[in-house]
Amino acid sequence: MQTVTSYKDEAEAYAQIAEAGYHAYKSEFPALKNDFHWHDFDSFIYITSGELKVTEHESGETIVCGPGSKIIGRAGIAHCEETEGYSAIFGLPVEPGALTQPVDKPLPIPQ
């Protein structure tokens, strides 16, 4: 499962991202409920408003993260997300425009 910790404020989020050598990216997301997918990169996600529910595919474990939650996302972990809308600061290993597309990789089709 993704690791969830907490952070104090946006200044701390930006400082942690810089310390890791990552690129900061702030964004707002509308309501969504997506299918299971995975990413080919690690990330930090600092929830600044709203809630994000994340369910891991393999374990079925679900976490609900609100403001002050820091999610440490690991590459290759299949998961899905559900939200009524949220804002977050992301720490990414590359500039957002350099991420491979699609960012949400579909699960392999069973043979």
N, C-alpha and C. Protein backbone atom coordinates (compact mmCIF):
# COMPACT_ATOMS: atom_id res chain seq x y z
N MET A 1 0.85 -1.18 0.00
CA MET A 1 0.00 0.00 0.00
C MET A 1 0.88 1.23 0.00
N GLN A 2 0.33 2.31 -0.47
CA GLN A 2 1.02 3.59 -0.41
C GLN A 2 1.25 3.95 1.06
N THR A 3 2.33 4.62 1.37
CA THR A 3 2.61 5.06 2.73
C THR A 3 1.94 6.41 2.94
N VAL A 4 1.27 6.58 4.08
CA VAL A 4 0.62 7.85 4.39
C VAL A 4 1.19 8.38 5.70
N THR A 5 1.65 9.63 5.66
CA THR A 5 2.11 10.33 6.85
C THR A 5 1.40 11.68 6.86
N SER A 6 1.95 12.63 7.58
CA SER A 6 1.34 13.96 7.61
C SER A 6 2.40 15.02 7.40
N TYR A 7 1.93 16.23 7.12
CA TYR A 7 2.82 17.38 6.98
C TYR A 7 2.15 18.56 7.63
N LYS A 8 2.95 19.58 7.99
CA LYS A 8 2.46 20.72 8.75
C LYS A 8 1.77 21.77 7.88
N ASP A 9 2.44 22.19 6.80
CA ASP A 9 1.90 23.25 5.96
C ASP A 9 2.54 23.18 4.57
N GLU A 10 2.09 24.05 3.68
CA GLU A 10 2.60 24.01 2.30
C GLU A 10 4.10 24.28 2.24
N ALA A 11 4.62 25.14 3.11
CA ALA A 11 6.06 25.43 3.11
C ALA A 11 6.84 24.15 3.40
N GLU A 12 6.36 23.34 4.34
CA GLU A 12 7.02 22.07 4.64
C GLU A 12 6.94 21.13 3.44
N ALA A 13 5.80 21.10 2.75
CA ALA A 13 5.64 20.24 1.58
C ALA A 13 6.66 20.62 0.51
N TYR A 14 6.75 21.91 0.20
CA TYR A 14 7.69 22.36 -0.82
C TYR A 14 9.14 22.08 -0.41
N ALA A 15 9.45 22.25 0.87
CA ALA A 15 10.82 21.98 1.36
C ALA A 15 11.17 20.50 1.22
N GLN A 16 10.22 19.61 1.55
CA GLN A 16 10.48 18.17 1.43
C GLN A 16 10.66 17.76 -0.03
N ILE A 17 9.88 18.36 -0.90
CA ILE A 17 10.00 18.06 -2.34
C ILE A 17 11.37 18.49 -2.85
N ALA A 18 11.79 19.70 -2.48
CA ALA A 18 13.10 20.20 -2.91
C ALA A 18 14.23 19.34 -2.34
N GLU A 19 14.10 18.96 -1.08
CA GLU A 19 15.13 18.13 -0.43
C GLU A 19 15.29 16.79 -1.15
N ALA A 20 14.20 16.25 -1.66
CA ALA A 20 14.24 14.97 -2.37
C ALA A 20 14.76 15.13 -3.80
N GLY A 21 14.93 16.38 -4.24
CA GLY A 21 15.36 16.62 -5.62
C GLY A 21 14.24 16.46 -6.63
N TYR A 22 12.98 16.53 -6.15
CA TYR A 22 11.82 16.36 -7.01
C TYR A 22 11.34 17.72 -7.52
N HIS A 23 10.40 17.68 -8.45
CA HIS A 23 9.78 18.87 -9.02
C HIS A 23 8.40 19.05 -8.39
N ALA A 24 8.10 20.26 -7.93
CA ALA A 24 6.81 20.55 -7.31
C ALA A 24 5.80 20.94 -8.37
N TYR A 25 4.57 20.49 -8.17
CA TYR A 25 3.47 20.76 -9.09
C TYR A 25 2.19 20.83 -8.27
N LYS A 26 1.50 21.97 -8.29
CA LYS A 26 0.25 22.13 -7.54
C LYS A 26 -0.91 22.04 -8.51
N SER A 27 -1.96 21.31 -8.11
CA SER A 27 -3.10 21.14 -9.01
C SER A 27 -4.39 20.91 -8.23
N GLU A 28 -5.49 21.17 -8.91
CA GLU A 28 -6.83 20.89 -8.38
C GLU A 28 -7.48 19.86 -9.29
N PHE A 29 -8.22 18.95 -8.69
CA PHE A 29 -8.88 17.89 -9.44
C PHE A 29 -10.37 17.90 -9.16
N PRO A 30 -11.20 17.77 -10.20
CA PRO A 30 -12.64 17.67 -10.00
C PRO A 30 -13.00 16.27 -9.50
N ALA A 31 -14.27 16.07 -9.27
CA ALA A 31 -14.74 14.75 -8.85
C ALA A 31 -14.30 13.70 -9.87
N LEU A 32 -13.87 12.56 -9.37
CA LEU A 32 -13.49 11.47 -10.27
C LEU A 32 -13.57 10.13 -9.54
N LYS A 33 -13.72 9.11 -10.31
CA LYS A 33 -13.65 7.73 -9.85
C LYS A 33 -13.03 6.97 -11.02
N ASN A 34 -11.79 6.53 -10.85
CA ASN A 34 -11.12 5.90 -11.99
C ASN A 34 -10.92 4.40 -11.78
N ASP A 35 -10.52 3.73 -12.85
CA ASP A 35 -10.26 2.29 -12.82
C ASP A 35 -8.89 2.04 -12.21
N PHE A 36 -8.63 0.79 -11.86
CA PHE A 36 -7.32 0.43 -11.35
C PHE A 36 -6.28 0.73 -12.42
N HIS A 37 -5.16 1.29 -11.98
CA HIS A 37 -4.07 1.67 -12.86
C HIS A 37 -2.78 1.72 -12.03
N TRP A 38 -1.67 2.00 -12.68
CA TRP A 38 -0.39 2.14 -11.99
C TRP A 38 0.42 3.24 -12.67
N HIS A 39 1.49 3.67 -12.00
CA HIS A 39 2.38 4.70 -12.54
C HIS A 39 3.80 4.14 -12.59
N ASP A 40 4.60 4.65 -13.50
CA ASP A 40 5.98 4.18 -13.61
C ASP A 40 6.96 5.13 -12.91
N PHE A 41 6.48 5.84 -11.90
CA PHE A 41 7.32 6.77 -11.14
C PHE A 41 6.85 6.82 -9.69
N ASP A 42 7.77 7.14 -8.80
CA ASP A 42 7.43 7.41 -7.41
C ASP A 42 6.91 8.84 -7.31
N SER A 43 6.17 9.15 -6.25
CA SER A 43 5.67 10.51 -6.08
C SER A 43 5.37 10.80 -4.62
N PHE A 44 5.30 12.09 -4.31
CA PHE A 44 4.78 12.57 -3.03
C PHE A 44 3.51 13.33 -3.37
N ILE A 45 2.45 13.12 -2.60
CA ILE A 45 1.19 13.83 -2.81
C ILE A 45 0.79 14.45 -1.47
N TYR A 46 0.73 15.76 -1.42
CA TYR A 46 0.37 16.49 -0.21
C TYR A 46 -1.03 17.05 -0.42
N ILE A 47 -2.03 16.48 0.25
CA ILE A 47 -3.41 16.91 0.09
C ILE A 47 -3.58 18.26 0.81
N THR A 48 -4.05 19.28 0.08
CA THR A 48 -4.23 20.60 0.68
C THR A 48 -5.70 20.94 0.93
N SER A 49 -6.61 20.30 0.21
CA SER A 49 -8.05 20.47 0.47
C SER A 49 -8.80 19.30 -0.13
N GLY A 50 -10.00 19.04 0.40
CA GLY A 50 -10.81 17.92 -0.07
C GLY A 50 -10.29 16.60 0.47
N GLU A 51 -10.82 15.51 -0.09
CA GLU A 51 -10.40 14.16 0.31
C GLU A 51 -10.13 13.32 -0.92
N LEU A 52 -9.19 12.41 -0.78
CA LEU A 52 -8.85 11.45 -1.83
C LEU A 52 -8.88 10.06 -1.22
N LYS A 53 -9.69 9.19 -1.80
CA LYS A 53 -9.75 7.79 -1.36
C LYS A 53 -8.97 6.96 -2.36
N VAL A 54 -8.00 6.19 -1.85
CA VAL A 54 -7.14 5.36 -2.69
C VAL A 54 -7.30 3.90 -2.26
N THR A 55 -7.55 3.02 -3.23
CA THR A 55 -7.69 1.59 -2.96
C THR A 55 -6.61 0.84 -3.72
N GLU A 56 -5.86 0.02 -3.00
CA GLU A 56 -4.82 -0.79 -3.63
C GLU A 56 -5.45 -2.04 -4.24
N HIS A 57 -5.04 -2.38 -5.44
CA HIS A 57 -5.60 -3.52 -6.16
C HIS A 57 -5.30 -4.84 -5.47
N GLU A 58 -4.04 -5.10 -5.16
CA GLU A 58 -3.63 -6.42 -4.64
C GLU A 58 -4.25 -6.74 -3.28
N SER A 59 -4.20 -5.79 -2.34
CA SER A 59 -4.68 -6.06 -0.98
C SER A 59 -6.14 -5.69 -0.78
N GLY A 60 -6.66 -4.79 -1.62
CA GLY A 60 -8.02 -4.30 -1.43
C GLY A 60 -8.11 -3.23 -0.34
N GLU A 61 -6.97 -2.89 0.27
CA GLU A 61 -6.93 -1.90 1.33
C GLU A 61 -7.26 -0.52 0.78
N THR A 62 -8.07 0.24 1.54
CA THR A 62 -8.46 1.59 1.15
C THR A 62 -8.01 2.57 2.22
N ILE A 63 -7.48 3.70 1.78
CA ILE A 63 -7.13 4.79 2.69
C ILE A 63 -7.88 6.03 2.23
N VAL A 64 -8.28 6.87 3.18
CA VAL A 64 -8.92 8.14 2.87
C VAL A 64 -8.02 9.24 3.43
N CYS A 65 -7.58 10.12 2.55
CA CYS A 65 -6.63 11.17 2.92
C CYS A 65 -7.25 12.54 2.75
N GLY A 66 -7.11 13.37 3.76
CA GLY A 66 -7.61 14.74 3.71
C GLY A 66 -6.47 15.73 3.87
N PRO A 67 -6.81 17.01 4.06
CA PRO A 67 -5.79 18.04 4.22
C PRO A 67 -4.79 17.66 5.32
N GLY A 68 -3.51 17.86 5.02
CA GLY A 68 -2.45 17.50 5.97
C GLY A 68 -1.90 16.11 5.76
N SER A 69 -2.51 15.32 4.86
CA SER A 69 -2.02 13.97 4.56
C SER A 69 -0.96 14.03 3.47
N LYS A 70 0.09 13.24 3.68
CA LYS A 70 1.15 13.09 2.67
C LYS A 70 1.15 11.63 2.24
N ILE A 71 0.94 11.40 0.95
CA ILE A 71 0.95 10.05 0.40
C ILE A 71 2.28 9.86 -0.31
N ILE A 72 2.98 8.80 0.03
CA ILE A 72 4.22 8.45 -0.67
C ILE A 72 3.86 7.33 -1.63
N GLY A 73 3.71 7.68 -2.90
CA GLY A 73 3.30 6.73 -3.92
C GLY A 73 4.51 6.02 -4.51
N ARG A 74 4.43 4.73 -4.68
CA ARG A 74 5.52 3.94 -5.23
C ARG A 74 5.18 3.48 -6.64
N ALA A 75 6.16 3.53 -7.50
CA ALA A 75 5.98 3.06 -8.88
C ALA A 75 5.53 1.61 -8.88
N GLY A 76 4.62 1.29 -9.81
CA GLY A 76 4.21 -0.09 -10.02
C GLY A 76 3.13 -0.61 -9.10
N ILE A 77 2.62 0.20 -8.17
CA ILE A 77 1.55 -0.23 -7.27
C ILE A 77 0.20 0.06 -7.94
N ALA A 78 -0.54 -0.98 -8.27
CA ALA A 78 -1.85 -0.80 -8.91
C ALA A 78 -2.86 -0.31 -7.88
N HIS A 79 -3.61 0.72 -8.26
CA HIS A 79 -4.57 1.34 -7.35
C HIS A 79 -5.64 2.06 -8.16
N CYS A 80 -6.71 2.47 -7.48
CA CYS A 80 -7.72 3.33 -8.08
C CYS A 80 -8.00 4.46 -7.09
N GLU A 81 -8.59 5.53 -7.60
CA GLU A 81 -8.84 6.71 -6.78
C GLU A 81 -10.28 7.15 -6.93
N GLU A 82 -10.78 7.75 -5.85
CA GLU A 82 -12.13 8.32 -5.86
C GLU A 82 -12.11 9.59 -5.04
N THR A 83 -12.77 10.63 -5.55
CA THR A 83 -12.82 11.90 -4.84
C THR A 83 -14.03 12.71 -5.31
N GLU A 84 -14.49 13.59 -4.46
CA GLU A 84 -15.50 14.58 -4.85
C GLU A 84 -14.80 15.87 -5.26
N GLY A 85 -13.48 15.84 -5.31
CA GLY A 85 -12.65 16.97 -5.69
C GLY A 85 -11.61 17.21 -4.61
N TYR A 86 -10.39 17.50 -5.03
CA TYR A 86 -9.33 17.79 -4.07
C TYR A 86 -8.25 18.63 -4.73
N SER A 87 -7.42 19.24 -3.87
CA SER A 87 -6.25 19.99 -4.31
C SER A 87 -5.03 19.34 -3.66
N ALA A 88 -3.90 19.38 -4.36
CA ALA A 88 -2.69 18.77 -3.82
C ALA A 88 -1.45 19.41 -4.42
N ILE A 89 -0.37 19.27 -3.68
CA ILE A 89 0.96 19.60 -4.17
C ILE A 89 1.63 18.26 -4.43
N PHE A 90 2.14 18.08 -5.64
CA PHE A 90 2.80 16.83 -6.02
C PHE A 90 4.30 17.04 -6.05
N GLY A 91 5.03 16.05 -5.62
CA GLY A 91 6.47 16.00 -5.79
C GLY A 91 6.74 14.89 -6.80
N LEU A 92 7.29 15.25 -7.96
CA LEU A 92 7.51 14.29 -9.04
C LEU A 92 9.00 14.23 -9.39
N PRO A 93 9.50 13.06 -9.79
CA PRO A 93 10.92 12.92 -10.10
C PRO A 93 11.35 13.65 -11.36
N VAL A 94 10.39 14.01 -12.22
CA VAL A 94 10.67 14.76 -13.45
C VAL A 94 9.62 15.86 -13.58
N GLU A 95 9.87 16.83 -14.47
CA GLU A 95 8.87 17.85 -14.75
C GLU A 95 7.58 17.16 -15.21
N PRO A 96 6.40 17.66 -14.83
CA PRO A 96 5.15 17.01 -15.23
C PRO A 96 5.04 16.73 -16.73
N GLY A 97 5.50 17.62 -17.57
CA GLY A 97 5.42 17.43 -19.01
C GLY A 97 6.30 16.30 -19.53
N ALA A 98 7.25 15.84 -18.72
CA ALA A 98 8.15 14.78 -19.14
C ALA A 98 7.67 13.38 -18.71
N LEU A 99 6.54 13.31 -18.01
CA LEU A 99 6.01 12.00 -17.61
C LEU A 99 5.59 11.21 -18.84
N THR A 100 5.83 9.91 -18.82
CA THR A 100 5.40 9.08 -19.94
C THR A 100 3.88 9.06 -20.00
N GLN A 101 3.35 8.93 -21.19
CA GLN A 101 1.89 8.97 -21.41
C GLN A 101 1.38 7.59 -21.83
N PRO A 102 0.19 7.21 -21.41
CA PRO A 102 -0.61 7.92 -20.43
C PRO A 102 0.03 7.81 -19.05
N VAL A 103 -0.23 8.81 -18.20
CA VAL A 103 0.31 8.79 -16.84
C VAL A 103 -0.29 7.62 -16.07
N ASP A 104 -1.61 7.41 -16.21
CA ASP A 104 -2.29 6.27 -15.58
C ASP A 104 -2.18 5.08 -16.53
N LYS A 105 -1.30 4.13 -16.19
CA LYS A 105 -1.09 2.96 -17.01
C LYS A 105 -2.15 1.90 -16.69
N PRO A 106 -2.83 1.35 -17.70
CA PRO A 106 -3.86 0.33 -17.42
C PRO A 106 -3.23 -0.96 -16.93
N LEU A 107 -4.01 -1.71 -16.18
CA LEU A 107 -3.52 -3.01 -15.72
C LEU A 107 -3.29 -3.93 -16.94
N PRO A 108 -2.34 -4.82 -16.85
CA PRO A 108 -2.15 -5.78 -17.95
C PRO A 108 -3.43 -6.59 -18.16
N ILE A 109 -3.71 -6.90 -19.40
CA ILE A 109 -4.88 -7.72 -19.72
C ILE A 109 -4.52 -9.18 -19.44
N PRO A 110 -5.33 -9.87 -18.62
CA PRO A 110 -5.02 -11.29 -18.30
C PRO A 110 -4.99 -12.14 -19.57
N GLN A 111 -4.07 -13.05 -19.62
CA GLN A 111 -3.91 -13.95 -20.79
C GLN A 111 -4.77 -15.19 -20.62
